[in-house]
Amino acid sequence: MKIYDDIHNYYEKLVVQHFAALKLEEKYDSDFIADLTCVVLNQLPTRYIRHEVDMAFYLPASERFEMENNVKVSVSKALEFMKALKN
């Protein structure tokens, strides 16, 4: 088993989805996005999974909503932090 191939943090997917919704890659360069991703993920708890299907079928809607909200709040805070560093 290769951990880096078989296991990942589900929050990574949620963060990438939220970045896409905000179209951040159109506004910032790849270095900024990489740093932003680290700042965001460091604010969030980890939720390791092996298969996406596990989360799709077994995650209650209320928990999914909470996770998505946590991502939104963390991205907002991280953007403020990163912008302050940039200035």
PDB file of N, CA and C in Angstrom:
ATOM      1  N   MET A   1       0.844  -1.182   0.000  1.00  0.00           N
ATOM      2  CA  MET A   1       0.000   0.000   0.000  1.00  0.00           C
ATOM      3  C   MET A   1       0.884   1.237   0.000  1.00  0.00           C
ATOM      4  N   LYS A   2       0.581   2.158  -0.863  1.00  0.00           N
ATOM      5  CA  LYS A   2       1.252   3.442  -0.882  1.00  0.00           C
ATOM      6  C   LYS A   2       0.282   4.472  -0.311  1.00  0.00           C
ATOM      7  N   ILE A   3       0.589   4.961   0.867  1.00  0.00           N
ATOM      8  CA  ILE A   3      -0.319   5.877   1.554  1.00  0.00           C
ATOM      9  C   ILE A   3      -0.668   7.067   0.674  1.00  0.00           C
ATOM     10  N   TYR A   4       0.326   7.653   0.012  1.00  0.00           N
ATOM     11  CA  TYR A   4       0.069   8.851  -0.778  1.00  0.00           C
ATOM     12  C   TYR A   4      -0.803   8.578  -1.996  1.00  0.00           C
ATOM     13  N   ASP A   5      -0.935   7.329  -2.408  1.00  0.00           N
ATOM     14  CA  ASP A   5      -1.811   6.977  -3.525  1.00  0.00           C
ATOM     15  C   ASP A   5      -3.194   6.539  -3.059  1.00  0.00           C
ATOM     16  N   ASP A   6      -3.261   5.934  -1.889  1.00  0.00           N
ATOM     17  CA  ASP A   6      -4.498   5.305  -1.448  1.00  0.00           C
ATOM     18  C   ASP A   6      -5.327   6.140  -0.477  1.00  0.00           C
ATOM     19  N   ILE A   7      -4.712   7.061   0.215  1.00  0.00           N
ATOM     20  CA  ILE A   7      -5.396   7.788   1.285  1.00  0.00           C
ATOM     21  C   ILE A   7      -5.248   9.282   1.048  1.00  0.00           C
ATOM     22  N   HIS A   8      -6.346  10.010   1.227  1.00  0.00           N
ATOM     23  CA  HIS A   8      -6.256  11.464   1.130  1.00  0.00           C
ATOM     24  C   HIS A   8      -7.251  12.133   2.069  1.00  0.00           C
ATOM     25  N   ASN A   9      -7.043  13.393   2.278  1.00  0.00           N
ATOM     26  CA  ASN A   9      -7.884  14.190   3.158  1.00  0.00           C
ATOM     27  C   ASN A   9      -9.074  14.695   2.339  1.00  0.00           C
ATOM     28  N   TYR A  10     -10.274  14.352   2.736  1.00  0.00           N
ATOM     29  CA  TYR A  10     -11.471  14.739   1.987  1.00  0.00           C
ATOM     30  C   TYR A  10     -11.618  16.256   1.884  1.00  0.00           C
ATOM     31  N   TYR A  11     -11.111  16.975   2.885  1.00  0.00           N
ATOM     32  CA  TYR A  11     -11.194  18.427   2.837  1.00  0.00           C
ATOM     33  C   TYR A  11     -10.446  18.999   1.640  1.00  0.00           C
ATOM     34  N   GLU A  12      -9.427  18.304   1.142  1.00  0.00           N
ATOM     35  CA  GLU A  12      -8.699  18.781  -0.028  1.00  0.00           C
ATOM     36  C   GLU A  12      -9.653  18.956  -1.207  1.00  0.00           C
ATOM     37  N   LYS A  13     -10.521  17.988  -1.415  1.00  0.00           N
ATOM     38  CA  LYS A  13     -11.487  18.053  -2.512  1.00  0.00           C
ATOM     39  C   LYS A  13     -12.438  19.224  -2.308  1.00  0.00           C
ATOM     40  N   LEU A  14     -12.924  19.390  -1.091  1.00  0.00           N
ATOM     41  CA  LEU A  14     -13.857  20.484  -0.820  1.00  0.00           C
ATOM     42  C   LEU A  14     -13.209  21.845  -1.031  1.00  0.00           C
ATOM     43  N   VAL A  15     -11.952  21.973  -0.649  1.00  0.00           N
ATOM     44  CA  VAL A  15     -11.227  23.229  -0.838  1.00  0.00           C
ATOM     45  C   VAL A  15     -11.062  23.515  -2.325  1.00  0.00           C
ATOM     46  N   VAL A  16     -10.657  22.530  -3.093  1.00  0.00           N
ATOM     47  CA  VAL A  16     -10.486  22.711  -4.543  1.00  0.00           C
ATOM     48  C   VAL A  16     -11.816  23.107  -5.187  1.00  0.00           C
ATOM     49  N   GLN A  17     -12.897  22.484  -4.776  1.00  0.00           N
ATOM     50  CA  GLN A  17     -14.213  22.825  -5.321  1.00  0.00           C
ATOM     51  C   GLN A  17     -14.590  24.265  -4.992  1.00  0.00           C
ATOM     52  N   HIS A  18     -14.306  24.690  -3.779  1.00  0.00           N
ATOM     53  CA  HIS A  18     -14.644  26.058  -3.383  1.00  0.00           C
ATOM     54  C   HIS A  18     -13.766  27.070  -4.114  1.00  0.00           C
ATOM     55  N   PHE A  19     -12.497  26.751  -4.283  1.00  0.00           N
ATOM     56  CA  PHE A  19     -11.611  27.615  -5.070  1.00  0.00           C
ATOM     57  C   PHE A  19     -12.174  27.783  -6.486  1.00  0.00           C
ATOM     58  N   ALA A  20     -12.634  26.691  -7.087  1.00  0.00           N
ATOM     59  CA  ALA A  20     -13.189  26.749  -8.445  1.00  0.00           C
ATOM     60  C   ALA A  20     -14.440  27.618  -8.478  1.00  0.00           C
ATOM     61  N   ALA A  21     -15.299  27.465  -7.463  1.00  0.00           N
ATOM     62  CA  ALA A  21     -16.525  28.270  -7.403  1.00  0.00           C
ATOM     63  C   ALA A  21     -16.204  29.761  -7.302  1.00  0.00           C
ATOM     64  N   LEU A  22     -15.139  30.091  -6.587  1.00  0.00           N
ATOM     65  CA  LEU A  22     -14.728  31.487  -6.436  1.00  0.00           C
ATOM     66  C   LEU A  22     -13.856  31.977  -7.599  1.00  0.00           C
ATOM     67  N   LYS A  23     -13.481  31.058  -8.501  1.00  0.00           N
ATOM     68  CA  LYS A  23     -12.615  31.365  -9.648  1.00  0.00           C
ATOM     69  C   LYS A  23     -11.294  32.006  -9.208  1.00  0.00           C
ATOM     70  N   LEU A  24     -10.724  31.457  -8.148  1.00  0.00           N
ATOM     71  CA  LEU A  24      -9.492  32.023  -7.595  1.00  0.00           C
ATOM     72  C   LEU A  24      -8.310  31.890  -8.542  1.00  0.00           C
ATOM     73  N   GLU A  25      -8.292  30.839  -9.361  1.00  0.00           N
ATOM     74  CA  GLU A  25      -7.171  30.657 -10.286  1.00  0.00           C
ATOM     75  C   GLU A  25      -7.146  31.736 -11.371  1.00  0.00           C
ATOM     76  N   GLU A  26      -8.267  32.419 -11.572  1.00  0.00           N
ATOM     77  CA  GLU A  26      -8.307  33.530 -12.526  1.00  0.00           C
ATOM     78  C   GLU A  26      -7.786  34.823 -11.896  1.00  0.00           C
ATOM     79  N   LYS A  27      -7.767  34.855 -10.566  1.00  0.00           N
ATOM     80  CA  LYS A  27      -7.404  36.076  -9.841  1.00  0.00           C
ATOM     81  C   LYS A  27      -5.988  36.059  -9.284  1.00  0.00           C
ATOM     82  N   TYR A  28      -5.452  34.865  -9.044  1.00  0.00           N
ATOM     83  CA  TYR A  28      -4.161  34.742  -8.362  1.00  0.00           C
ATOM     84  C   TYR A  28      -3.250  33.770  -9.097  1.00  0.00           C
ATOM     85  N   ASP A  29      -1.948  33.927  -8.910  1.00  0.00           N
ATOM     86  CA  ASP A  29      -0.995  33.014  -9.547  1.00  0.00           C
ATOM     87  C   ASP A  29      -0.889  31.705  -8.762  1.00  0.00           C
ATOM     88  N   SER A  30      -0.193  30.751  -9.346  1.00  0.00           N
ATOM     89  CA  SER A  30      -0.123  29.407  -8.758  1.00  0.00           C
ATOM     90  C   SER A  30       0.596  29.388  -7.408  1.00  0.00           C
ATOM     91  N   ASP A  31       1.587  30.251  -7.210  1.00  0.00           N
ATOM     92  CA  ASP A  31       2.264  30.309  -5.910  1.00  0.00           C
ATOM     93  C   ASP A  31       1.320  30.787  -4.818  1.00  0.00           C
ATOM     94  N   PHE A  32       0.531  31.809  -5.131  1.00  0.00           N
ATOM     95  CA  PHE A  32      -0.440  32.318  -4.165  1.00  0.00           C
ATOM     96  C   PHE A  32      -1.461  31.234  -3.827  1.00  0.00           C
ATOM     97  N   ILE A  33      -1.965  30.541  -4.857  1.00  0.00           N
ATOM     98  CA  ILE A  33      -2.953  29.476  -4.653  1.00  0.00           C
ATOM     99  C   ILE A  33      -2.369  28.351  -3.798  1.00  0.00           C
ATOM    100  N   ALA A  34      -1.136  27.970  -4.051  1.00  0.00           N
ATOM    101  CA  ALA A  34      -0.501  26.897  -3.264  1.00  0.00           C
ATOM    102  C   ALA A  34      -0.381  27.306  -1.796  1.00  0.00           C
ATOM    103  N   ASP A  35       0.078  28.536  -1.563  1.00  0.00           N
ATOM    104  CA  ASP A  35       0.185  29.019  -0.175  1.00  0.00           C
ATOM    105  C   ASP A  35      -1.190  29.124   0.473  1.00  0.00           C
ATOM    106  N   LEU A  36      -2.153  29.629  -0.276  1.00  0.00           N
ATOM    107  CA  LEU A  36      -3.516  29.751   0.239  1.00  0.00           C
ATOM    108  C   LEU A  36      -4.072  28.379   0.630  1.00  0.00           C
ATOM    109  N   THR A  37      -3.825  27.399  -0.219  1.00  0.00           N
ATOM    110  CA  THR A  37      -4.296  26.038   0.063  1.00  0.00           C
ATOM    111  C   THR A  37      -3.734  25.528   1.384  1.00  0.00           C
ATOM    112  N   CYS A  38      -2.453  25.750   1.604  1.00  0.00           N
ATOM    113  CA  CYS A  38      -1.832  25.318   2.868  1.00  0.00           C
ATOM    114  C   CYS A  38      -2.455  26.029   4.064  1.00  0.00           C
ATOM    115  N   VAL A  39      -2.649  27.330   3.947  1.00  0.00           N
ATOM    116  CA  VAL A  39      -3.233  28.103   5.056  1.00  0.00           C
ATOM    117  C   VAL A  39      -4.652  27.604   5.343  1.00  0.00           C
ATOM    118  N   VAL A  40      -5.421  27.375   4.307  1.00  0.00           N
ATOM    119  CA  VAL A  40      -6.796  26.889   4.481  1.00  0.00           C
ATOM    120  C   VAL A  40      -6.803  25.509   5.137  1.00  0.00           C
ATOM    121  N   LEU A  41      -6.059  24.569   4.575  1.00  0.00           N
ATOM    122  CA  LEU A  41      -6.079  23.198   5.097  1.00  0.00           C
ATOM    123  C   LEU A  41      -5.546  23.110   6.525  1.00  0.00           C
ATOM    124  N   ASN A  42      -4.636  23.983   6.878  1.00  0.00           N
ATOM    125  CA  ASN A  42      -4.124  23.978   8.251  1.00  0.00           C
ATOM    126  C   ASN A  42      -5.149  24.473   9.262  1.00  0.00           C
ATOM    127  N   GLN A  43      -6.180  25.143   8.797  1.00  0.00           N
ATOM    128  CA  GLN A  43      -7.255  25.596   9.689  1.00  0.00           C
ATOM    129  C   GLN A  43      -8.329  24.530   9.893  1.00  0.00           C
ATOM    130  N   LEU A  44      -8.364  23.562   9.009  1.00  0.00           N
ATOM    131  CA  LEU A  44      -9.437  22.566   9.005  1.00  0.00           C
ATOM    132  C   LEU A  44      -8.994  21.263   9.663  1.00  0.00           C
ATOM    133  N   PRO A  45      -9.967  20.534  10.212  1.00  0.00           N
ATOM    134  CA  PRO A  45      -9.612  19.200  10.728  1.00  0.00           C
ATOM    135  C   PRO A  45      -9.317  18.274   9.549  1.00  0.00           C
ATOM    136  N   THR A  46      -8.707  17.172   9.816  1.00  0.00           N
ATOM    137  CA  THR A  46      -8.461  16.204   8.750  1.00  0.00           C
ATOM    138  C   THR A  46      -9.588  15.194   8.708  1.00  0.00           C
ATOM    139  N   ARG A  47      -9.878  14.711   7.534  1.00  0.00           N
ATOM    140  CA  ARG A  47     -10.897  13.677   7.350  1.00  0.00           C
ATOM    141  C   ARG A  47     -10.376  12.753   6.262  1.00  0.00           C
ATOM    142  N   TYR A  48      -9.607  11.764   6.696  1.00  0.00           N
ATOM    143  CA  TYR A  48      -8.959  10.869   5.740  1.00  0.00           C
ATOM    144  C   TYR A  48      -9.918   9.810   5.219  1.00  0.00           C
ATOM    145  N   ILE A  49      -9.821   9.585   3.913  1.00  0.00           N
ATOM    146  CA  ILE A  49     -10.643   8.565   3.272  1.00  0.00           C
ATOM    147  C   ILE A  49      -9.797   7.818   2.249  1.00  0.00           C
ATOM    148  N   ARG A  50     -10.284   6.656   1.857  1.00  0.00           N
ATOM    149  CA  ARG A  50      -9.642   5.906   0.771  1.00  0.00           C
ATOM    150  C   ARG A  50     -10.439   6.047  -0.504  1.00  0.00           C
ATOM    151  N   HIS A  51     -11.758   6.069  -0.401  1.00  0.00           N
ATOM    152  CA  HIS A  51     -12.610   6.066  -1.584  1.00  0.00           C
ATOM    153  C   HIS A  51     -13.658   7.168  -1.473  1.00  0.00           C
ATOM    154  N   GLU A  52     -13.821   7.925  -2.540  1.00  0.00           N
ATOM    155  CA  GLU A  52     -14.820   8.996  -2.569  1.00  0.00           C
ATOM    156  C   GLU A  52     -16.227   8.452  -2.308  1.00  0.00           C
ATOM    157  N   VAL A  53     -16.475   7.263  -2.796  1.00  0.00           N
ATOM    158  CA  VAL A  53     -17.794   6.671  -2.640  1.00  0.00           C
ATOM    159  C   VAL A  53     -18.173   6.523  -1.166  1.00  0.00           C
ATOM    160  N   ASP A  54     -17.189   6.309  -0.294  1.00  0.00           N
ATOM    161  CA  ASP A  54     -17.471   6.197   1.132  1.00  0.00           C
ATOM    162  C   ASP A  54     -18.127   7.474   1.652  1.00  0.00           C
ATOM    163  N   MET A  55     -17.598   8.609   1.225  1.00  0.00           N
ATOM    164  CA  MET A  55     -18.152   9.881   1.682  1.00  0.00           C
ATOM    165  C   MET A  55     -19.503  10.162   1.026  1.00  0.00           C
ATOM    166  N   ALA A  56     -19.653   9.793  -0.219  1.00  0.00           N
ATOM    167  CA  ALA A  56     -20.887  10.069  -0.945  1.00  0.00           C
ATOM    168  C   ALA A  56     -22.085   9.339  -0.338  1.00  0.00           C
ATOM    169  N   PHE A  57     -21.869   8.118   0.086  1.00  0.00           N
ATOM    170  CA  PHE A  57     -22.986   7.319   0.572  1.00  0.00           C
ATOM    171  C   PHE A  57     -23.171   7.328   2.086  1.00  0.00           C
ATOM    172  N   TYR A  58     -22.112   7.590   2.830  1.00  0.00           N
ATOM    173  CA  TYR A  58     -22.210   7.435   4.274  1.00  0.00           C
ATOM    174  C   TYR A  58     -22.120   8.726   5.066  1.00  0.00           C
ATOM    175  N   LEU A  59     -21.911   9.849   4.402  1.00  0.00           N
ATOM    176  CA  LEU A  59     -21.813  11.125   5.088  1.00  0.00           C
ATOM    177  C   LEU A  59     -23.199  11.758   5.177  1.00  0.00           C
ATOM    178  N   PRO A  60     -23.693  11.998   6.393  1.00  0.00           N
ATOM    179  CA  PRO A  60     -24.999  12.651   6.521  1.00  0.00           C
ATOM    180  C   PRO A  60     -24.976  14.054   5.907  1.00  0.00           C
ATOM    181  N   ALA A  61     -26.094  14.466   5.354  1.00  0.00           N
ATOM    182  CA  ALA A  61     -26.189  15.777   4.701  1.00  0.00           C
ATOM    183  C   ALA A  61     -25.810  16.903   5.652  1.00  0.00           C
ATOM    184  N   SER A  62     -26.195  16.773   6.909  1.00  0.00           N
ATOM    185  CA  SER A  62     -25.882  17.824   7.880  1.00  0.00           C
ATOM    186  C   SER A  62     -24.371  17.958   8.094  1.00  0.00           C
ATOM    187  N   GLU A  63     -23.673  16.833   8.104  1.00  0.00           N
ATOM    188  CA  GLU A  63     -22.224  16.870   8.276  1.00  0.00           C
ATOM    189  C   GLU A  63     -21.542  17.413   7.022  1.00  0.00           C
ATOM    190  N   ARG A  64     -22.043  17.052   5.873  1.00  0.00           N
ATOM    191  CA  ARG A  64     -21.503  17.572   4.603  1.00  0.00           C
ATOM    192  C   ARG A  64     -21.662  19.098   4.568  1.00  0.00           C
ATOM    193  N   PHE A  65     -22.843  19.599   4.961  1.00  0.00           N
ATOM    194  CA  PHE A  65     -23.093  21.038   4.997  1.00  0.00           C
ATOM    195  C   PHE A  65     -22.121  21.727   5.954  1.00  0.00           C
ATOM    196  N   GLU A  66     -21.913  21.131   7.122  1.00  0.00           N
ATOM    197  CA  GLU A  66     -20.985  21.694   8.107  1.00  0.00           C
ATOM    198  C   GLU A  66     -19.556  21.739   7.549  1.00  0.00           C
ATOM    199  N   MET A  67     -19.140  20.676   6.871  1.00  0.00           N
ATOM    200  CA  MET A  67     -17.800  20.634   6.289  1.00  0.00           C
ATOM    201  C   MET A  67     -17.649  21.715   5.218  1.00  0.00           C
ATOM    202  N   GLU A  68     -18.645  21.867   4.371  1.00  0.00           N
ATOM    203  CA  GLU A  68     -18.598  22.885   3.326  1.00  0.00           C
ATOM    204  C   GLU A  68     -18.564  24.290   3.932  1.00  0.00           C
ATOM    205  N   ASN A  69     -19.335  24.496   4.984  1.00  0.00           N
ATOM    206  CA  ASN A  69     -19.331  25.790   5.667  1.00  0.00           C
ATOM    207  C   ASN A  69     -17.963  26.056   6.304  1.00  0.00           C
ATOM    208  N   ASN A  70     -17.366  25.043   6.909  1.00  0.00           N
ATOM    209  CA  ASN A  70     -16.022  25.190   7.491  1.00  0.00           C
ATOM    210  C   ASN A  70     -15.013  25.616   6.421  1.00  0.00           C
ATOM    211  N   VAL A  71     -15.151  25.048   5.230  1.00  0.00           N
ATOM    212  CA  VAL A  71     -14.254  25.401   4.129  1.00  0.00           C
ATOM    213  C   VAL A  71     -14.452  26.862   3.738  1.00  0.00           C
ATOM    214  N   LYS A  72     -15.694  27.285   3.600  1.00  0.00           N
ATOM    215  CA  LYS A  72     -15.983  28.675   3.223  1.00  0.00           C
ATOM    216  C   LYS A  72     -15.387  29.660   4.223  1.00  0.00           C
ATOM    217  N   VAL A  73     -15.568  29.387   5.502  1.00  0.00           N
ATOM    218  CA  VAL A  73     -15.038  30.263   6.546  1.00  0.00           C
ATOM    219  C   VAL A  73     -13.516  30.270   6.511  1.00  0.00           C
ATOM    220  N   SER A  74     -12.910  29.104   6.380  1.00  0.00           N
ATOM    221  CA  SER A  74     -11.448  29.001   6.353  1.00  0.00           C
ATOM    222  C   SER A  74     -10.850  29.695   5.135  1.00  0.00           C
ATOM    223  N   VAL A  75     -11.492  29.562   3.990  1.00  0.00           N
ATOM    224  CA  VAL A  75     -10.998  30.231   2.780  1.00  0.00           C
ATOM    225  C   VAL A  75     -11.079  31.739   2.944  1.00  0.00           C
ATOM    226  N   SER A  76     -12.174  32.210   3.479  1.00  0.00           N
ATOM    227  CA  SER A  76     -12.336  33.650   3.698  1.00  0.00           C
ATOM    228  C   SER A  76     -11.246  34.197   4.620  1.00  0.00           C
ATOM    229  N   LYS A  77     -11.014  33.518   5.733  1.00  0.00           N
ATOM    230  CA  LYS A  77      -9.973  33.940   6.682  1.00  0.00           C
ATOM    231  C   LYS A  77      -8.592  33.879   6.046  1.00  0.00           C
ATOM    232  N   ALA A  78      -8.334  32.811   5.298  1.00  0.00           N
ATOM    233  CA  ALA A  78      -7.024  32.641   4.679  1.00  0.00           C
ATOM    234  C   ALA A  78      -6.780  33.704   3.611  1.00  0.00           C
ATOM    235  N   LEU A  79      -7.810  34.058   2.846  1.00  0.00           N
ATOM    236  CA  LEU A  79      -7.663  35.108   1.842  1.00  0.00           C
ATOM    237  C   LEU A  79      -7.322  36.448   2.493  1.00  0.00           C
ATOM    238  N   GLU A  80      -7.993  36.757   3.582  1.00  0.00           N
ATOM    239  CA  GLU A  80      -7.690  38.002   4.308  1.00  0.00           C
ATOM    240  C   GLU A  80      -6.232  37.992   4.786  1.00  0.00           C
ATOM    241  N   PHE A  81      -5.816  36.875   5.344  1.00  0.00           N
ATOM    242  CA  PHE A  81      -4.448  36.731   5.846  1.00  0.00           C
ATOM    243  C   PHE A  81      -3.427  36.885   4.717  1.00  0.00           C
ATOM    244  N   MET A  82      -3.669  36.186   3.605  1.00  0.00           N
ATOM    245  CA  MET A  82      -2.732  36.213   2.489  1.00  0.00           C
ATOM    246  C   MET A  82      -2.656  37.600   1.847  1.00  0.00           C
ATOM    247  N   LYS A  83      -3.794  38.253   1.712  1.00  0.00           N
ATOM    248  CA  LYS A  83      -3.817  39.591   1.138  1.00  0.00           C
ATOM    249  C   LYS A  83      -3.071  40.563   2.021  1.00  0.00           C
ATOM    250  N   ALA A  84      -3.208  40.418   3.332  1.00  0.00           N
ATOM    251  CA  ALA A  84      -2.491  41.290   4.273  1.00  0.00           C
ATOM    252  C   ALA A  84      -0.989  41.078   4.161  1.00  0.00           C
ATOM    253  N   LEU A  85      -0.554  39.848   3.962  1.00  0.00           N
ATOM    254  CA  LEU A  85       0.873  39.561   3.789  1.00  0.00           C
ATOM    255  C   LEU A  85       1.416  40.148   2.486  1.00  0.00           C
ATOM    256  N   LYS A  86       0.585  40.126   1.472  1.00  0.00           N
ATOM    257  CA  LYS A  86       0.993  40.590   0.144  1.00  0.00           C
ATOM    258  C   LYS A  86       1.215  42.111   0.131  1.00  0.00           C
ATOM    259  N   ASN A  87       0.468  42.821   0.941  1.00  0.00           N
ATOM    260  CA  ASN A  87       0.567  44.296   0.976  1.00  0.00           C
ATOM    261  C   ASN A  87       1.683  44.793   1.828  1.00  0.00           C
TER     262      ASN A  87
END
